[in-house]
Amino acid sequence: MAVSSRAKPRRPTYVIKRSTGWGGLELGNLWRQRELLFTFTKRNILVRYKQTGLGIAWAILQPFFLMVVFTLFFKRLGNVSSNGIPYPIFSYSGLLPWTFFATCLTQSATSLVANQNLIRKIYFPRLIIPISTVLTALVDFAVASTLLFGMMVYYGVYPDPVRLLALPGLLLLAIATALGVGLWLSALNVAYRDVQYVTPFLAQAWLFLTPAVYVSTTFSEPWATVLGLNPMQGVVAGFRWALLDSGQPPGPMLAVSACVAVAVLVSGTVFFRRLERSFADVI
């Protein structure tokens, strides 16, 4: 019998070991499973807008309706200042990154419980699940941004091209904050299901602590920098500064926000990995 000279390609072998202590983040394994991450993200998008009449247009309608409501109550009735910028575009520019952040919070908190059947049956890096929810929200953010640029053309607001270079860094700050908080909430929700009910109230309270729809009061230093302890404060202020030429450059406040965002992301990742060992048993 002739033996084929073409050898079969060897498939990689993965050895699953129990992680110990606070280490063992296994980010390399997460990178090797990146195709699975994209599959989860695609599935999330398809499931979210399945059997909907407007489809992905809901990504635009959510911040748009919030903008309409806040324009009616804050501007028309409350006469809230918007630094000389038309209030609809002023509020929408703040609501755009905020809606992305709030969506990540609510979706990440329930992501592990929603995928409990997969977690019980097969092994894969559990970090993929909350990360995929953030990537899904990022797609919504990109779609909703088209309305913002349309409003800028309508109102004749044209940003400084140099300032636009800061937008990728500001978006990265929002992603780090959303993912860090999402990792904490998703891991805690496995053990305490109350978290999924508390998260919407947390998002609402956080909204009014962040000047997404109003101009924050002018504080003298060091209190202006202390506001950066809320990472979304730096994100919203940075977005308005880059897009609308509104307010002063974030400066030290943005640096504080970036440090807090990194701390939340690192601590959330380590906390998630530590509790990951018991997900299949507890969930």
Foldseek 3Di string as FASTA:
>chain_A
DDDDPDDDDDDDDDDDDDDDDLDDLPVVLVVVCVVVLVVLLVVVLCVVQPPPPVRLCVLQVVLLVVLVVCCVPCCVPVVFDQQPAPQSLSLSLLVLLLVLLLQLQLCLLCQCVVCLVVLQPDDGPPLSRSLSSSVNSVVSSVVNVVVSVVVCVVRVFAFDPVLVVCLVVLSVLSSLQSSLNSLVNNLVCLQPVCSSVCSVVVSVVLVVLAVSRHDDDDDDPPVLLVSLLSLSNLSSVSSCCGRRVDDDNSPNSNVNSSVNSNVSNVVSSSVNSVSSVCSNVRD
